[in-house]
Amino acid sequence: MASAGTGLEHQRGAHEGPQRKRRGPGPLATAYMVIYNVVMTAGWLVIAVGLIRAGLARGTYHGLYYSIEKPLKFFQTGALLEILHCAVGIVPSSVVLTGFQVMSRVFLTWAVTHSVKQVQNEDSVLLFVTAWTITEIVRYSFYTFSLLNHLPYVIKWASLSTALFPYALPEEEGPDHR
């Protein structure tokens, strides 16, 4: 026999129970996430400036890896905190998916690029570092401004318009503020 109700049980499925409104992170977690995202944005800006300066100074893209090696390793490794953010519930994203995304980049940074010296002068390094740099500046800026409830149109446009933005926004919940 069908249960009496608003009809919402039928749409969601009776076994799911009442819908709960998802709360965002508390003020302390929000402050931490703003600081984390600002630091990560700044770090990727340092990498961008390093790439541009080294490219202009050398007149070639060969050997650019050496000019951004330390900040690249530091900020790419710093992204491991994103897995923790998901695990403790500060960010409403999948720990597994975030883990794969972050670990693939950490692996490429340390196990491939750092460990295999011949790779460091390859064109592919410049390509993936440039793609990461643009993506991360847009992504971390997006998360910062979203947490502050002041998302400039240009950041929103860039995050939704570039093919480099690898993280989809969770449905109905807004950005997953990594």
C-alpha atoms as a PDB file:
ATOM      1  CA  MET A   1       0.000   0.000   0.000  1.00  0.00           C
ATOM      2  CA  ALA A   2       1.338   3.458  -0.899  1.00  0.00           C
ATOM      3  CA  SER A   3       2.237   5.768   1.921  1.00  0.00           C
ATOM      4  CA  ALA A   4       0.443   9.057   2.309  1.00  0.00           C
ATOM      5  CA  GLY A   5       2.599  12.135   1.988  1.00  0.00           C
ATOM      6  CA  THR A   6       3.573  14.969  -0.234  1.00  0.00           C
ATOM      7  CA  GLY A   7       4.528  12.823  -3.195  1.00  0.00           C
ATOM      8  CA  LEU A   8       8.166  13.727  -2.602  1.00  0.00           C
ATOM      9  CA  GLU A   9       8.786  10.226  -1.269  1.00  0.00           C
ATOM     10  CA  HIS A  10       7.854   8.850  -4.670  1.00  0.00           C
ATOM     11  CA  GLN A  11      10.237  11.183  -6.483  1.00  0.00           C
ATOM     12  CA  ARG A  12      13.194  10.490  -4.188  1.00  0.00           C
ATOM     13  CA  GLY A  13      12.234   6.952  -3.330  1.00  0.00           C
ATOM     14  CA  ALA A  14      10.633   6.083  -0.010  1.00  0.00           C
ATOM     15  CA  HIS A  15      13.772   4.368   1.266  1.00  0.00           C
ATOM     16  CA  GLU A  16      15.835   7.582   1.148  1.00  0.00           C
ATOM     17  CA  GLY A  17      14.012   9.294   4.000  1.00  0.00           C
ATOM     18  CA  PRO A  18      13.449  13.009   4.401  1.00  0.00           C
ATOM     19  CA  GLN A  19      15.704  15.337   2.470  1.00  0.00           C
ATOM     20  CA  ARG A  20      18.243  17.109   4.641  1.00  0.00           C
ATOM     21  CA  LYS A  21      19.655  20.472   3.716  1.00  0.00           C
ATOM     22  CA  ARG A  22      23.406  20.207   3.439  1.00  0.00           C
ATOM     23  CA  ARG A  23      25.221  22.670   5.662  1.00  0.00           C
ATOM     24  CA  GLY A  24      28.354  24.359   4.486  1.00  0.00           C
ATOM     25  CA  PRO A  25      31.595  24.398   6.429  1.00  0.00           C
ATOM     26  CA  GLY A  26      31.647  26.310   9.705  1.00  0.00           C
ATOM     27  CA  PRO A  27      33.346  29.701  10.043  1.00  0.00           C
ATOM     28  CA  LEU A  28      36.692  28.229  11.114  1.00  0.00           C
ATOM     29  CA  ALA A  29      36.735  25.739   8.240  1.00  0.00           C
ATOM     30  CA  THR A  30      35.682  28.475   5.814  1.00  0.00           C
ATOM     31  CA  ALA A  31      38.487  30.759   7.018  1.00  0.00           C
ATOM     32  CA  TYR A  32      40.979  27.898   6.653  1.00  0.00           C
ATOM     33  CA  MET A  33      39.715  27.117   3.144  1.00  0.00           C
ATOM     34  CA  VAL A  34      39.961  30.778   2.107  1.00  0.00           C
ATOM     35  CA  ILE A  35      43.564  30.882   3.334  1.00  0.00           C
ATOM     36  CA  TYR A  36      44.376  27.557   1.647  1.00  0.00           C
ATOM     37  CA  ASN A  37      42.899  28.691  -1.674  1.00  0.00           C
ATOM     38  CA  VAL A  38      44.596  32.113  -1.541  1.00  0.00           C
ATOM     39  CA  VAL A  39      47.968  30.469  -0.828  1.00  0.00           C
ATOM     40  CA  MET A  40      47.479  27.967  -3.650  1.00  0.00           C
ATOM     41  CA  THR A  41      46.416  30.722  -6.083  1.00  0.00           C
ATOM     42  CA  ALA A  42      49.499  32.742  -5.134  1.00  0.00           C
ATOM     43  CA  GLY A  43      51.720  29.695  -5.548  1.00  0.00           C
ATOM     44  CA  TRP A  44      50.456  28.973  -9.035  1.00  0.00           C
ATOM     45  CA  LEU A  45      50.856  32.662  -9.901  1.00  0.00           C
ATOM     46  CA  VAL A  46      54.505  32.369  -8.804  1.00  0.00           C
ATOM     47  CA  ILE A  47      54.866  29.394 -11.148  1.00  0.00           C
ATOM     48  CA  ALA A  48      53.242  31.356 -14.007  1.00  0.00           C
ATOM     49  CA  VAL A  49      55.537  34.327 -13.478  1.00  0.00           C
ATOM     50  CA  GLY A  50      58.543  31.978 -13.261  1.00  0.00           C
ATOM     51  CA  LEU A  51      57.623  30.370 -16.570  1.00  0.00           C
ATOM     52  CA  ILE A  52      57.141  33.715 -18.303  1.00  0.00           C
ATOM     53  CA  ARG A  53      60.316  35.293 -16.894  1.00  0.00           C
ATOM     54  CA  ALA A  54      62.466  32.278 -17.707  1.00  0.00           C
ATOM     55  CA  GLY A  55      61.011  32.012 -21.198  1.00  0.00           C
ATOM     56  CA  LEU A  56      61.651  35.684 -21.910  1.00  0.00           C
ATOM     57  CA  ALA A  57      65.163  35.574 -20.438  1.00  0.00           C
ATOM     58  CA  ARG A  58      66.171  32.417 -22.317  1.00  0.00           C
ATOM     59  CA  GLY A  59      64.297  33.070 -25.520  1.00  0.00           C
ATOM     60  CA  THR A  60      63.340  29.383 -25.563  1.00  0.00           C
ATOM     61  CA  TYR A  61      61.137  27.065 -23.593  1.00  0.00           C
ATOM     62  CA  HIS A  62      63.858  24.452 -23.186  1.00  0.00           C
ATOM     63  CA  GLY A  63      65.052  24.235 -19.603  1.00  0.00           C
ATOM     64  CA  LEU A  64      62.073  26.138 -18.160  1.00  0.00           C
ATOM     65  CA  TYR A  65      61.378  23.282 -15.770  1.00  0.00           C
ATOM     66  CA  TYR A  66      64.452  24.201 -13.720  1.00  0.00           C
ATOM     67  CA  SER A  67      63.148  27.731 -13.155  1.00  0.00           C
ATOM     68  CA  ILE A  68      59.891  26.503 -11.590  1.00  0.00           C
ATOM     69  CA  GLU A  69      60.924  23.108 -10.218  1.00  0.00           C
ATOM     70  CA  LYS A  70      60.799  23.963  -6.496  1.00  0.00           C
ATOM     71  CA  PRO A  71      57.488  25.863  -6.423  1.00  0.00           C
ATOM     72  CA  LEU A  72      55.921  23.264  -8.744  1.00  0.00           C
ATOM     73  CA  LYS A  73      56.882  20.419  -6.416  1.00  0.00           C
ATOM     74  CA  PHE A  74      55.777  22.356  -3.337  1.00  0.00           C
ATOM     75  CA  PHE A  75      52.346  23.455  -4.589  1.00  0.00           C
ATOM     76  CA  GLN A  76      51.536  20.261  -6.455  1.00  0.00           C
ATOM     77  CA  THR A  77      52.399  18.295  -3.301  1.00  0.00           C
ATOM     78  CA  GLY A  78      50.370  20.786  -1.233  1.00  0.00           C
ATOM     79  CA  ALA A  79      47.315  19.674  -3.173  1.00  0.00           C
ATOM     80  CA  LEU A  80      47.456  16.424  -1.167  1.00  0.00           C
ATOM     81  CA  LEU A  81      45.604  18.403   1.505  1.00  0.00           C
ATOM     82  CA  GLU A  82      42.581  18.344  -0.794  1.00  0.00           C
ATOM     83  CA  ILE A  83      42.197  14.630  -0.130  1.00  0.00           C
ATOM     84  CA  LEU A  84      42.180  15.366   3.597  1.00  0.00           C
ATOM     85  CA  HIS A  85      39.630  18.162   3.075  1.00  0.00           C
ATOM     86  CA  CYS A  86      37.281  15.630   1.494  1.00  0.00           C
ATOM     87  CA  ALA A  87      37.996  12.948   4.083  1.00  0.00           C
ATOM     88  CA  VAL A  88      37.134  15.197   7.036  1.00  0.00           C
ATOM     89  CA  GLY A  89      34.079  16.651   5.297  1.00  0.00           C
ATOM     90  CA  ILE A  90      35.197  20.245   4.823  1.00  0.00           C
ATOM     91  CA  VAL A  91      34.658  19.785   1.085  1.00  0.00           C
ATOM     92  CA  PRO A  92      31.663  17.810  -0.226  1.00  0.00           C
ATOM     93  CA  SER A  93      33.620  15.885  -2.852  1.00  0.00           C
ATOM     94  CA  SER A  94      34.497  12.246  -3.262  1.00  0.00           C
ATOM     95  CA  VAL A  95      37.690  11.231  -1.475  1.00  0.00           C
ATOM     96  CA  VAL A  96      38.353   8.599  -4.128  1.00  0.00           C
ATOM     97  CA  LEU A  97      37.913  10.897  -7.136  1.00  0.00           C
ATOM     98  CA  THR A  98      39.868  13.713  -5.526  1.00  0.00           C
ATOM     99  CA  GLY A  99      42.547  11.209  -4.547  1.00  0.00           C
ATOM    100  CA  PHE A 100      42.920  10.012  -8.138  1.00  0.00           C
ATOM    101  CA  GLN A 101      43.055  13.559  -9.497  1.00  0.00           C
ATOM    102  CA  VAL A 102      45.624  14.770  -6.985  1.00  0.00           C
ATOM    103  CA  MET A 103      47.744  11.616  -6.893  1.00  0.00           C
ATOM    104  CA  SER A 104      48.016  11.487 -10.698  1.00  0.00           C
ATOM    105  CA  ARG A 105      49.563  14.964 -10.679  1.00  0.00           C
ATOM    106  CA  VAL A 106      51.809  14.221  -7.722  1.00  0.00           C
ATOM    107  CA  PHE A 107      52.944  11.039  -9.470  1.00  0.00           C
ATOM    108  CA  LEU A 108      53.694  12.931 -12.684  1.00  0.00           C
ATOM    109  CA  THR A 109      55.561  15.611 -10.735  1.00  0.00           C
ATOM    110  CA  TRP A 110      57.689  13.364  -8.526  1.00  0.00           C
ATOM    111  CA  ALA A 111      57.860   9.860 -10.009  1.00  0.00           C
ATOM    112  CA  VAL A 112      58.181  10.955 -13.622  1.00  0.00           C
ATOM    113  CA  THR A 113      59.430  14.527 -14.000  1.00  0.00           C
ATOM    114  CA  HIS A 114      61.619  14.720 -10.893  1.00  0.00           C
ATOM    115  CA  SER A 115      63.002  11.200 -11.161  1.00  0.00           C
ATOM    116  CA  VAL A 116      63.629  10.970 -14.903  1.00  0.00           C
ATOM    117  CA  LYS A 117      66.059  13.768 -15.787  1.00  0.00           C
ATOM    118  CA  GLN A 118      65.614  13.307 -19.546  1.00  0.00           C
ATOM    119  CA  VAL A 119      61.911  14.202 -19.212  1.00  0.00           C
ATOM    120  CA  GLN A 120      62.668  17.610 -17.711  1.00  0.00           C
ATOM    121  CA  ASN A 121      63.586  19.161 -21.097  1.00  0.00           C
ATOM    122  CA  GLU A 122      60.711  17.611 -23.016  1.00  0.00           C
ATOM    123  CA  ASP A 123      58.014  19.752 -24.640  1.00  0.00           C
ATOM    124  CA  SER A 124      55.373  17.798 -22.732  1.00  0.00           C
ATOM    125  CA  VAL A 125      56.590  19.206 -19.412  1.00  0.00           C
ATOM    126  CA  LEU A 126      55.998  22.764 -20.588  1.00  0.00           C
ATOM    127  CA  LEU A 127      52.570  21.745 -21.886  1.00  0.00           C
ATOM    128  CA  PHE A 128      51.318  20.064 -18.720  1.00  0.00           C
ATOM    129  CA  VAL A 129      52.827  22.682 -16.409  1.00  0.00           C
ATOM    130  CA  THR A 130      51.228  25.475 -18.455  1.00  0.00           C
ATOM    131  CA  ALA A 131      47.875  23.674 -18.464  1.00  0.00           C
ATOM    132  CA  TRP A 132      48.087  23.044 -14.705  1.00  0.00           C
ATOM    133  CA  THR A 133      49.108  26.643 -14.039  1.00  0.00           C
ATOM    134  CA  ILE A 134      46.196  28.187 -15.919  1.00  0.00           C
ATOM    135  CA  THR A 135      43.761  25.654 -14.516  1.00  0.00           C
ATOM    136  CA  GLU A 136      44.874  26.053 -10.925  1.00  0.00           C
ATOM    137  CA  ILE A 137      44.918  29.857 -10.957  1.00  0.00           C
ATOM    138  CA  VAL A 138      41.341  29.860 -12.254  1.00  0.00           C
ATOM    139  CA  ARG A 139      40.182  27.021  -9.978  1.00  0.00           C
ATOM    140  CA  TYR A 140      41.663  28.271  -6.711  1.00  0.00           C
ATOM    141  CA  SER A 141      40.519  31.833  -7.463  1.00  0.00           C
ATOM    142  CA  PHE A 142      37.035  30.495  -8.151  1.00  0.00           C
ATOM    143  CA  TYR A 143      36.940  28.647  -4.847  1.00  0.00           C
ATOM    144  CA  THR A 144      38.299  31.631  -2.904  1.00  0.00           C
ATOM    145  CA  PHE A 145      35.773  34.100  -4.279  1.00  0.00           C
ATOM    146  CA  SER A 146      32.936  31.577  -3.938  1.00  0.00           C
ATOM    147  CA  LEU A 147      33.758  31.080  -0.266  1.00  0.00           C
ATOM    148  CA  LEU A 148      33.685  34.855   0.173  1.00  0.00           C
ATOM    149  CA  ASN A 149      30.323  35.000  -1.649  1.00  0.00           C
ATOM    150  CA  HIS A 150      31.787  37.461  -4.157  1.00  0.00           C
ATOM    151  CA  LEU A 151      32.420  35.671  -7.429  1.00  0.00           C
ATOM    152  CA  PRO A 152      33.560  38.091 -10.155  1.00  0.00           C
ATOM    153  CA  TYR A 153      32.042  37.411 -13.551  1.00  0.00           C
ATOM    154  CA  VAL A 154      35.444  37.005 -15.204  1.00  0.00           C
ATOM    155  CA  ILE A 155      36.419  34.204 -12.785  1.00  0.00           C
ATOM    156  CA  LYS A 156      33.070  32.460 -13.212  1.00  0.00           C
ATOM    157  CA  TRP A 157      33.340  32.808 -16.991  1.00  0.00           C
ATOM    158  CA  ALA A 158      36.912  31.484 -17.023  1.00  0.00           C
ATOM    159  CA  SER A 159      36.027  28.512 -14.832  1.00  0.00           C
ATOM    160  CA  LEU A 160      33.088  27.502 -16.996  1.00  0.00           C
ATOM    161  CA  SER A 161      34.518  28.425 -20.399  1.00  0.00           C
ATOM    162  CA  THR A 162      37.995  26.951 -20.448  1.00  0.00           C
ATOM    163  CA  ALA A 163      38.498  23.358 -21.434  1.00  0.00           C
ATOM    164  CA  LEU A 164      41.287  23.306 -18.860  1.00  0.00           C
ATOM    165  CA  PHE A 165      38.960  23.466 -15.852  1.00  0.00           C
ATOM    166  CA  PRO A 166      38.932  19.788 -14.855  1.00  0.00           C
ATOM    167  CA  TYR A 167      36.555  19.844 -11.917  1.00  0.00           C
ATOM    168  CA  ALA A 168      32.811  19.948 -12.432  1.00  0.00           C
ATOM    169  CA  LEU A 169      30.649  21.827  -9.978  1.00  0.00           C
ATOM    170  CA  PRO A 170      28.533  19.552  -7.784  1.00  0.00           C
ATOM    171  CA  GLU A 171      24.897  19.748  -8.758  1.00  0.00           C
ATOM    172  CA  GLU A 172      22.756  22.144  -6.704  1.00  0.00           C
ATOM    173  CA  GLU A 173      25.435  22.590  -4.073  1.00  0.00           C
ATOM    174  CA  GLY A 174      27.617  25.241  -5.690  1.00  0.00           C
ATOM    175  CA  PRO A 175      31.381  24.948  -5.930  1.00  0.00           C
ATOM    176  CA  ASP A 176      33.254  22.293  -3.995  1.00  0.00           C
ATOM    177  CA  HIS A 177      35.529  24.708  -2.197  1.00  0.00           C
ATOM    178  CA  ARG A 178      38.830  22.893  -2.253  1.00  0.00           C
END
